[in-house]
Structures are given as C-alpha cells and as structure tokens.
Amino acid sequence: AELVFDDCEVPEDNVMGPLNGGVE
C-alpha cells in the first residue's frame, strides 16, 4: 500500500542512526 504523511509529527527520539546519514 501507499503511506501518507500529512504534517506527521515524529519525536526527535525516533531518528534512527545519524542525522543525514540515511543513505548509509
């Protein structure tokens, strides 16, 4: 299915891995 994000608020604690390091 498709996922829809419409002003979806995500806590900073839910960043996994390094910021801007998602490609790795």
mmCIF file of all heavy atoms, coordinates in Angstrom:
data_MODEL
# 
_entry.id   MODEL 
# 
loop_
_atom_site.group_PDB 
_atom_site.id 
_atom_site.type_symbol 
_atom_site.label_atom_id 
_atom_site.label_alt_id 
_atom_site.label_comp_id 
_atom_site.label_asym_id 
_atom_site.label_entity_id 
_atom_site.label_seq_id 
_atom_site.pdbx_PDB_ins_code 
_atom_site.Cartn_x 
_atom_site.Cartn_y 
_atom_site.Cartn_z 
_atom_site.occupancy 
_atom_site.B_iso_or_equiv 
_atom_site.pdbx_formal_charge 
_atom_site.auth_seq_id 
_atom_site.auth_comp_id 
_atom_site.auth_asym_id 
_atom_site.auth_atom_id 
_atom_site.pdbx_PDB_model_num 
ATOM 1   N N   . ALA A 1 1  ? 0.825  -1.205 0.000  1.00 0.00 ? 1  ALA A N   1 
ATOM 2   C CA  . ALA A 1 1  ? 0.000  0.000  0.000  1.00 0.00 ? 1  ALA A CA  1 
ATOM 3   C C   . ALA A 1 1  ? 0.861  1.259  0.000  1.00 0.00 ? 1  ALA A C   1 
ATOM 4   O O   . ALA A 1 1  ? 2.089  1.211  0.113  1.00 0.00 ? 1  ALA A O   1 
ATOM 5   C CB  . ALA A 1 1  ? -0.939 -0.004 1.212  1.00 0.00 ? 1  ALA A CB  1 
ATOM 6   N N   . GLU A 1 2  ? 0.184  2.361  -0.119 1.00 0.00 ? 2  GLU A N   1 
ATOM 7   C CA  . GLU A 1 2  ? 0.774  3.695  -0.051 1.00 0.00 ? 2  GLU A CA  1 
ATOM 8   C C   . GLU A 1 2  ? 0.755  4.186  1.393  1.00 0.00 ? 2  GLU A C   1 
ATOM 9   O O   . GLU A 1 2  ? -0.172 3.887  2.149  1.00 0.00 ? 2  GLU A O   1 
ATOM 10  C CB  . GLU A 1 2  ? -0.051 4.632  -0.933 1.00 0.00 ? 2  GLU A CB  1 
ATOM 11  C CG  . GLU A 1 2  ? 0.358  6.087  -0.906 1.00 0.00 ? 2  GLU A CG  1 
ATOM 12  C CD  . GLU A 1 2  ? -0.628 6.966  -1.662 1.00 0.00 ? 2  GLU A CD  1 
ATOM 13  O OE1 . GLU A 1 2  ? -1.837 6.652  -1.659 1.00 0.00 ? 2  GLU A OE1 1 
ATOM 14  O OE2 . GLU A 1 2  ? -0.185 7.973  -2.252 1.00 0.00 ? 2  GLU A OE2 1 
ATOM 15  N N   . LEU A 1 3  ? 1.774  4.929  1.783  1.00 0.00 ? 3  LEU A N   1 
ATOM 16  C CA  . LEU A 1 3  ? 1.803  5.610  3.071  1.00 0.00 ? 3  LEU A CA  1 
ATOM 17  C C   . LEU A 1 3  ? 1.647  7.108  2.832  1.00 0.00 ? 3  LEU A C   1 
ATOM 18  O O   . LEU A 1 3  ? 2.262  7.658  1.921  1.00 0.00 ? 3  LEU A O   1 
ATOM 19  C CB  . LEU A 1 3  ? 3.125  5.363  3.807  1.00 0.00 ? 3  LEU A CB  1 
ATOM 20  C CG  . LEU A 1 3  ? 3.567  3.918  4.030  1.00 0.00 ? 3  LEU A CG  1 
ATOM 21  C CD1 . LEU A 1 3  ? 4.897  3.905  4.784  1.00 0.00 ? 3  LEU A CD1 1 
ATOM 22  C CD2 . LEU A 1 3  ? 2.517  3.123  4.784  1.00 0.00 ? 3  LEU A CD2 1 
ATOM 23  N N   . VAL A 1 4  ? 0.838  7.756  3.664  1.00 0.00 ? 4  VAL A N   1 
ATOM 24  C CA  . VAL A 1 4  ? 0.592  9.193  3.520  1.00 0.00 ? 4  VAL A CA  1 
ATOM 25  C C   . VAL A 1 4  ? 1.026  9.904  4.800  1.00 0.00 ? 4  VAL A C   1 
ATOM 26  O O   . VAL A 1 4  ? 0.616  9.512  5.906  1.00 0.00 ? 4  VAL A O   1 
ATOM 27  C CB  . VAL A 1 4  ? -0.905 9.477  3.240  1.00 0.00 ? 4  VAL A CB  1 
ATOM 28  C CG1 . VAL A 1 4  ? -1.148 10.984 3.143  1.00 0.00 ? 4  VAL A CG1 1 
ATOM 29  C CG2 . VAL A 1 4  ? -1.349 8.773  1.958  1.00 0.00 ? 4  VAL A CG2 1 
ATOM 30  N N   . PHE A 1 5  ? 1.858  10.932 4.639  1.00 0.00 ? 5  PHE A N   1 
ATOM 31  C CA  . PHE A 1 5  ? 2.319  11.752 5.756  1.00 0.00 ? 5  PHE A CA  1 
ATOM 32  C C   . PHE A 1 5  ? 1.828  13.178 5.538  1.00 0.00 ? 5  PHE A C   1 
ATOM 33  O O   . PHE A 1 5  ? 2.243  13.846 4.583  1.00 0.00 ? 5  PHE A O   1 
ATOM 34  C CB  . PHE A 1 5  ? 3.844  11.723 5.852  1.00 0.00 ? 5  PHE A CB  1 
ATOM 35  C CG  . PHE A 1 5  ? 4.410  10.346 6.081  1.00 0.00 ? 5  PHE A CG  1 
ATOM 36  C CD1 . PHE A 1 5  ? 4.671  9.505  5.009  1.00 0.00 ? 5  PHE A CD1 1 
ATOM 37  C CD2 . PHE A 1 5  ? 4.657  9.890  7.359  1.00 0.00 ? 5  PHE A CD2 1 
ATOM 38  C CE1 . PHE A 1 5  ? 5.189  8.232  5.212  1.00 0.00 ? 5  PHE A CE1 1 
ATOM 39  C CE2 . PHE A 1 5  ? 5.168  8.616  7.575  1.00 0.00 ? 5  PHE A CE2 1 
ATOM 40  C CZ  . PHE A 1 5  ? 5.430  7.790  6.495  1.00 0.00 ? 5  PHE A CZ  1 
ATOM 41  N N   . ASP A 1 6  ? 0.936  13.625 6.398  1.00 0.00 ? 6  ASP A N   1 
ATOM 42  C CA  . ASP A 1 6  ? 0.344  14.956 6.284  1.00 0.00 ? 6  ASP A CA  1 
ATOM 43  C C   . ASP A 1 6  ? 0.578  15.693 7.597  1.00 0.00 ? 6  ASP A C   1 
ATOM 44  O O   . ASP A 1 6  ? -0.180 15.567 8.545  1.00 0.00 ? 6  ASP A O   1 
ATOM 45  C CB  . ASP A 1 6  ? -1.160 14.828 5.985  1.00 0.00 ? 6  ASP A CB  1 
ATOM 46  C CG  . ASP A 1 6  ? -1.841 16.175 5.755  1.00 0.00 ? 6  ASP A CG  1 
ATOM 47  O OD1 . ASP A 1 6  ? -1.130 17.191 5.668  1.00 0.00 ? 6  ASP A OD1 1 
ATOM 48  O OD2 . ASP A 1 6  ? -3.089 16.189 5.683  1.00 0.00 ? 6  ASP A OD2 1 
ATOM 49  N N   . ASP A 1 7  ? 1.685  16.439 7.642  1.00 0.00 ? 7  ASP A N   1 
ATOM 50  C CA  . ASP A 1 7  ? 2.119  17.068 8.887  1.00 0.00 ? 7  ASP A CA  1 
ATOM 51  C C   . ASP A 1 7  ? 2.226  16.035 10.004 1.00 0.00 ? 7  ASP A C   1 
ATOM 52  O O   . ASP A 1 7  ? 1.755  16.242 11.130 1.00 0.00 ? 7  ASP A O   1 
ATOM 53  C CB  . ASP A 1 7  ? 1.167  18.205 9.298  1.00 0.00 ? 7  ASP A CB  1 
ATOM 54  C CG  . ASP A 1 7  ? 1.367  19.465 8.465  1.00 0.00 ? 7  ASP A CG  1 
ATOM 55  O OD1 . ASP A 1 7  ? 2.460  19.635 7.892  1.00 0.00 ? 7  ASP A OD1 1 
ATOM 56  O OD2 . ASP A 1 7  ? 0.422  20.271 8.389  1.00 0.00 ? 7  ASP A OD2 1 
ATOM 57  N N   . CYS A 1 8  ? 2.855  14.904 9.677  1.00 0.00 ? 8  CYS A N   1 
ATOM 58  C CA  . CYS A 1 8  ? 3.045  13.824 10.652 1.00 0.00 ? 8  CYS A CA  1 
ATOM 59  C C   . CYS A 1 8  ? 4.151  14.215 11.629 1.00 0.00 ? 8  CYS A C   1 
ATOM 60  O O   . CYS A 1 8  ? 5.297  14.463 11.219 1.00 0.00 ? 8  CYS A O   1 
ATOM 61  C CB  . CYS A 1 8  ? 3.402  12.526 9.939  1.00 0.00 ? 8  CYS A CB  1 
ATOM 62  S SG  . CYS A 1 8  ? 3.807  11.169 11.059 1.00 0.00 ? 8  CYS A SG  1 
ATOM 63  N N   . GLU A 1 9  ? 3.807  14.263 12.911 1.00 0.00 ? 9  GLU A N   1 
ATOM 64  C CA  . GLU A 1 9  ? 4.757  14.691 13.928 1.00 0.00 ? 9  GLU A CA  1 
ATOM 65  C C   . GLU A 1 9  ? 5.488  13.481 14.511 1.00 0.00 ? 9  GLU A C   1 
ATOM 66  O O   . GLU A 1 9  ? 4.877  12.557 15.036 1.00 0.00 ? 9  GLU A O   1 
ATOM 67  C CB  . GLU A 1 9  ? 4.029  15.452 15.039 1.00 0.00 ? 9  GLU A CB  1 
ATOM 68  C CG  . GLU A 1 9  ? 3.356  16.721 14.536 1.00 0.00 ? 9  GLU A CG  1 
ATOM 69  C CD  . GLU A 1 9  ? 2.681  17.497 15.650 1.00 0.00 ? 9  GLU A CD  1 
ATOM 70  O OE1 . GLU A 1 9  ? 2.795  17.067 16.828 1.00 0.00 ? 9  GLU A OE1 1 
ATOM 71  O OE2 . GLU A 1 9  ? 2.057  18.523 15.355 1.00 0.00 ? 9  GLU A OE2 1 
ATOM 72  N N   . VAL A 1 10 ? 6.822  13.522 14.412 1.00 0.00 ? 10 VAL A N   1 
ATOM 73  C CA  . VAL A 1 10 ? 7.656  12.409 14.861 1.00 0.00 ? 10 VAL A CA  1 
ATOM 74  C C   . VAL A 1 10 ? 8.661  12.927 15.890 1.00 0.00 ? 10 VAL A C   1 
ATOM 75  O O   . VAL A 1 10 ? 9.424  13.851 15.598 1.00 0.00 ? 10 VAL A O   1 
ATOM 76  C CB  . VAL A 1 10 ? 8.417  11.778 13.676 1.00 0.00 ? 10 VAL A CB  1 
ATOM 77  C CG1 . VAL A 1 10 ? 9.237  10.580 14.142 1.00 0.00 ? 10 VAL A CG1 1 
ATOM 78  C CG2 . VAL A 1 10 ? 7.448  11.369 12.576 1.00 0.00 ? 10 VAL A CG2 1 
ATOM 79  N N   . PRO A 1 11 ? 8.692  12.373 17.091 1.00 0.00 ? 11 PRO A N   1 
ATOM 80  C CA  . PRO A 1 11 ? 9.646  12.842 18.103 1.00 0.00 ? 11 PRO A CA  1 
ATOM 81  C C   . PRO A 1 11 ? 11.088 12.704 17.623 1.00 0.00 ? 11 PRO A C   1 
ATOM 82  O O   . PRO A 1 11 ? 11.431 11.767 16.891 1.00 0.00 ? 11 PRO A O   1 
ATOM 83  C CB  . PRO A 1 11 ? 9.377  11.927 19.301 1.00 0.00 ? 11 PRO A CB  1 
ATOM 84  C CG  . PRO A 1 11 ? 7.991  11.403 19.087 1.00 0.00 ? 11 PRO A CG  1 
ATOM 85  C CD  . PRO A 1 11 ? 7.818  11.293 17.604 1.00 0.00 ? 11 PRO A CD  1 
ATOM 86  N N   . GLU A 1 12 ? 11.927 13.621 18.066 1.00 0.00 ? 12 GLU A N   1 
ATOM 87  C CA  . GLU A 1 12 ? 13.339 13.573 17.710 1.00 0.00 ? 12 GLU A CA  1 
ATOM 88  C C   . GLU A 1 12 ? 13.978 12.257 18.152 1.00 0.00 ? 12 GLU A C   1 
ATOM 89  O O   . GLU A 1 12 ? 14.909 11.762 17.517 1.00 0.00 ? 12 GLU A O   1 
ATOM 90  C CB  . GLU A 1 12 ? 14.073 14.752 18.346 1.00 0.00 ? 12 GLU A CB  1 
ATOM 91  C CG  . GLU A 1 12 ? 15.498 14.936 17.892 1.00 0.00 ? 12 GLU A CG  1 
ATOM 92  C CD  . GLU A 1 12 ? 16.106 16.212 18.434 1.00 0.00 ? 12 GLU A CD  1 
ATOM 93  O OE1 . GLU A 1 12 ? 15.475 16.861 19.292 1.00 0.00 ? 12 GLU A OE1 1 
ATOM 94  O OE2 . GLU A 1 12 ? 17.214 16.560 17.996 1.00 0.00 ? 12 GLU A OE2 1 
ATOM 95  N N   . ASP A 1 13 ? 13.454 11.655 19.222 1.00 0.00 ? 13 ASP A N   1 
ATOM 96  C CA  . ASP A 1 13 ? 13.977 10.387 19.709 1.00 0.00 ? 13 ASP A CA  1 
ATOM 97  C C   . ASP A 1 13 ? 13.768 9.248  18.711 1.00 0.00 ? 13 ASP A C   1 
ATOM 98  O O   . ASP A 1 13 ? 14.365 8.181  18.855 1.00 0.00 ? 13 ASP A O   1 
ATOM 99  C CB  . ASP A 1 13 ? 13.293 10.006 21.029 1.00 0.00 ? 13 ASP A CB  1 
ATOM 100 C CG  . ASP A 1 13 ? 13.746 10.869 22.198 1.00 0.00 ? 13 ASP A CG  1 
ATOM 101 O OD1 . ASP A 1 13 ? 14.778 11.556 22.057 1.00 0.00 ? 13 ASP A OD1 1 
ATOM 102 O OD2 . ASP A 1 13 ? 13.065 10.860 23.248 1.00 0.00 ? 13 ASP A OD2 1 
ATOM 103 N N   . ASN A 1 14 ? 12.918 9.463  17.721 1.00 0.00 ? 14 ASN A N   1 
ATOM 104 C CA  . ASN A 1 14 ? 12.646 8.427  16.726 1.00 0.00 ? 14 ASN A CA  1 
ATOM 105 C C   . ASN A 1 14 ? 13.532 8.519  15.496 1.00 0.00 ? 14 ASN A C   1 
ATOM 106 O O   . ASN A 1 14 ? 13.321 7.790  14.527 1.00 0.00 ? 14 ASN A O   1 
ATOM 107 C CB  . ASN A 1 14 ? 11.172 8.465  16.313 1.00 0.00 ? 14 ASN A CB  1 
ATOM 108 C CG  . ASN A 1 14 ? 10.261 7.834  17.348 1.00 0.00 ? 14 ASN A CG  1 
ATOM 109 O OD1 . ASN A 1 14 ? 10.379 8.094  18.536 1.00 0.00 ? 14 ASN A OD1 1 
ATOM 110 N ND2 . ASN A 1 14 ? 9.345  6.993  16.909 1.00 0.00 ? 14 ASN A ND2 1 
ATOM 111 N N   . VAL A 1 15 ? 14.522 9.388  15.526 1.00 0.00 ? 15 VAL A N   1 
ATOM 112 C CA  . VAL A 1 15 ? 15.552 9.367  14.486 1.00 0.00 ? 15 VAL A CA  1 
ATOM 113 C C   . VAL A 1 15 ? 16.439 8.153  14.737 1.00 0.00 ? 15 VAL A C   1 
ATOM 114 O O   . VAL A 1 15 ? 16.955 7.964  15.840 1.00 0.00 ? 15 VAL A O   1 
ATOM 115 C CB  . VAL A 1 15 ? 16.396 10.652 14.502 1.00 0.00 ? 15 VAL A CB  1 
ATOM 116 C CG1 . VAL A 1 15 ? 17.603 10.525 13.566 1.00 0.00 ? 15 VAL A CG1 1 
ATOM 117 C CG2 . VAL A 1 15 ? 15.548 11.848 14.103 1.00 0.00 ? 15 VAL A CG2 1 
ATOM 118 N N   . MET A 1 16 ? 16.601 7.317  13.719 1.00 0.00 ? 16 MET A N   1 
ATOM 119 C CA  . MET A 1 16 ? 17.412 6.103  13.869 1.00 0.00 ? 16 MET A CA  1 
ATOM 120 C C   . MET A 1 16 ? 18.692 6.264  13.057 1.00 0.00 ? 16 MET A C   1 
ATOM 121 O O   . MET A 1 16 ? 18.638 6.512  11.843 1.00 0.00 ? 16 MET A O   1 
ATOM 122 C CB  . MET A 1 16 ? 16.639 4.871  13.388 1.00 0.00 ? 16 MET A CB  1 
ATOM 123 C CG  . MET A 1 16 ? 17.361 3.565  13.705 1.00 0.00 ? 16 MET A CG  1 
ATOM 124 S SD  . MET A 1 16 ? 16.385 2.101  13.310 1.00 0.00 ? 16 MET A SD  1 
ATOM 125 C CE  . MET A 1 16 ? 16.620 2.000  11.523 1.00 0.00 ? 16 MET A CE  1 
ATOM 126 N N   . GLY A 1 17 ? 19.831 6.129  13.715 1.00 0.00 ? 17 GLY A N   1 
ATOM 127 C CA  . GLY A 1 17 ? 21.096 6.343  13.028 1.00 0.00 ? 17 GLY A CA  1 
ATOM 128 C C   . GLY A 1 17 ? 21.416 7.827  12.946 1.00 0.00 ? 17 GLY A C   1 
ATOM 129 O O   . GLY A 1 17 ? 20.692 8.669  13.485 1.00 0.00 ? 17 GLY A O   1 
ATOM 130 N N   . PRO A 1 18 ? 22.480 8.172  12.236 1.00 0.00 ? 18 PRO A N   1 
ATOM 131 C CA  . PRO A 1 18 ? 22.911 9.569  12.200 1.00 0.00 ? 18 PRO A CA  1 
ATOM 132 C C   . PRO A 1 18 ? 21.987 10.458 11.375 1.00 0.00 ? 18 PRO A C   1 
ATOM 133 O O   . PRO A 1 18 ? 21.431 10.029 10.363 1.00 0.00 ? 18 PRO A O   1 
ATOM 134 C CB  . PRO A 1 18 ? 24.306 9.489  11.563 1.00 0.00 ? 18 PRO A CB  1 
ATOM 135 C CG  . PRO A 1 18 ? 24.300 8.216  10.787 1.00 0.00 ? 18 PRO A CG  1 
ATOM 136 C CD  . PRO A 1 18 ? 23.406 7.275  11.522 1.00 0.00 ? 18 PRO A CD  1 
ATOM 137 N N   . LEU A 1 19 ? 21.816 11.699 11.821 1.00 0.00 ? 19 LEU A N   1 
ATOM 138 C CA  . LEU A 1 19 ? 21.083 12.693 11.047 1.00 0.00 ? 19 LEU A CA  1 
ATOM 139 C C   . LEU A 1 19 ? 21.793 12.902 9.706  1.00 0.00 ? 19 LEU A C   1 
ATOM 140 O O   . LEU A 1 19 ? 23.022 13.035 9.654  1.00 0.00 ? 19 LEU A O   1 
ATOM 141 C CB  . LEU A 1 19 ? 21.029 14.020 11.813 1.00 0.00 ? 19 LEU A CB  1 
ATOM 142 C CG  . LEU A 1 19 ? 20.254 15.158 11.145 1.00 0.00 ? 19 LEU A CG  1 
ATOM 143 C CD1 . LEU A 1 19 ? 18.767 14.820 11.033 1.00 0.00 ? 19 LEU A CD1 1 
ATOM 144 C CD2 . LEU A 1 19 ? 20.461 16.464 11.926 1.00 0.00 ? 19 LEU A CD2 1 
ATOM 145 N N   . ASN A 1 20 ? 21.027 12.875 8.634  1.00 0.00 ? 20 ASN A N   1 
ATOM 146 C CA  . ASN A 1 20 ? 21.546 12.989 7.266  1.00 0.00 ? 20 ASN A CA  1 
ATOM 147 C C   . ASN A 1 20 ? 22.454 11.813 6.876  1.00 0.00 ? 20 ASN A C   1 
ATOM 148 O O   . ASN A 1 20 ? 23.197 11.901 5.895  1.00 0.00 ? 20 ASN A O   1 
ATOM 149 C CB  . ASN A 1 20 ? 22.291 14.317 7.055  1.00 0.00 ? 20 ASN A CB  1 
ATOM 150 C CG  . ASN A 1 20 ? 21.364 15.519 7.151  1.00 0.00 ? 20 ASN A CG  1 
ATOM 151 O OD1 . ASN A 1 20 ? 20.228 15.460 6.692  1.00 0.00 ? 20 ASN A OD1 1 
ATOM 152 N ND2 . ASN A 1 20 ? 21.844 16.593 7.764  1.00 0.00 ? 20 ASN A ND2 1 
ATOM 153 N N   . GLY A 1 21 ? 22.371 10.750 7.638  1.00 0.00 ? 21 GLY A N   1 
ATOM 154 C CA  . GLY A 1 21 ? 23.156 9.555  7.319  1.00 0.00 ? 21 GLY A CA  1 
ATOM 155 C C   . GLY A 1 21 ? 22.299 8.410  6.821  1.00 0.00 ? 21 GLY A C   1 
ATOM 156 O O   . GLY A 1 21 ? 22.710 7.243  6.884  1.00 0.00 ? 21 GLY A O   1 
ATOM 157 N N   . GLY A 1 22 ? 21.124 8.735  6.322  1.00 0.00 ? 22 GLY A N   1 
ATOM 158 C CA  . GLY A 1 22 ? 20.184 7.710  5.901  1.00 0.00 ? 22 GLY A CA  1 
ATOM 159 C C   . GLY A 1 22 ? 20.645 6.877  4.726  1.00 0.00 ? 22 GLY A C   1 
ATOM 160 O O   . GLY A 1 22 ? 20.257 5.713  4.595  1.00 0.00 ? 22 GLY A O   1 
ATOM 161 N N   . VAL A 1 23 ? 21.470 7.455  3.852  1.00 0.00 ? 23 VAL A N   1 
ATOM 162 C CA  . VAL A 1 23 ? 21.943 6.696  2.698  1.00 0.00 ? 23 VAL A CA  1 
ATOM 163 C C   . VAL A 1 23 ? 22.794 5.504  3.150  1.00 0.00 ? 23 VAL A C   1 
ATOM 164 O O   . VAL A 1 23 ? 22.669 4.402  2.606  1.00 0.00 ? 23 VAL A O   1 
ATOM 165 C CB  . VAL A 1 23 ? 22.740 7.598  1.733  1.00 0.00 ? 23 VAL A CB  1 
ATOM 166 C CG1 . VAL A 1 23 ? 23.550 6.770  0.754  1.00 0.00 ? 23 VAL A CG1 1 
ATOM 167 C CG2 . VAL A 1 23 ? 21.789 8.491  0.951  1.00 0.00 ? 23 VAL A CG2 1 
ATOM 168 N N   . GLU A 1 24 ? 23.629 5.720  4.145  1.00 0.00 ? 24 GLU A N   1 
ATOM 169 C CA  . GLU A 1 24 ? 24.446 4.610  4.662  1.00 0.00 ? 24 GLU A CA  1 
ATOM 170 C C   . GLU A 1 24 ? 23.554 3.533  5.270  1.00 0.00 ? 24 GLU A C   1 
ATOM 171 O O   . GLU A 1 24 ? 23.763 2.335  5.048  1.00 0.00 ? 24 GLU A O   1 
ATOM 172 C CB  . GLU A 1 24 ? 25.430 5.120  5.707  1.00 0.00 ? 24 GLU A CB  1 
ATOM 173 C CG  . GLU A 1 24 ? 26.333 4.021  6.256  1.00 0.00 ? 24 GLU A CG  1 
ATOM 174 C CD  . GLU A 1 24 ? 27.227 4.498  7.380  1.00 0.00 ? 24 GLU A CD  1 
ATOM 175 O OE1 . GLU A 1 24 ? 27.179 5.688  7.729  1.00 0.00 ? 24 GLU A OE1 1 
ATOM 176 O OE2 . GLU A 1 24 ? 27.979 3.661  7.923  1.00 0.00 ? 24 GLU A OE2 1 
# 
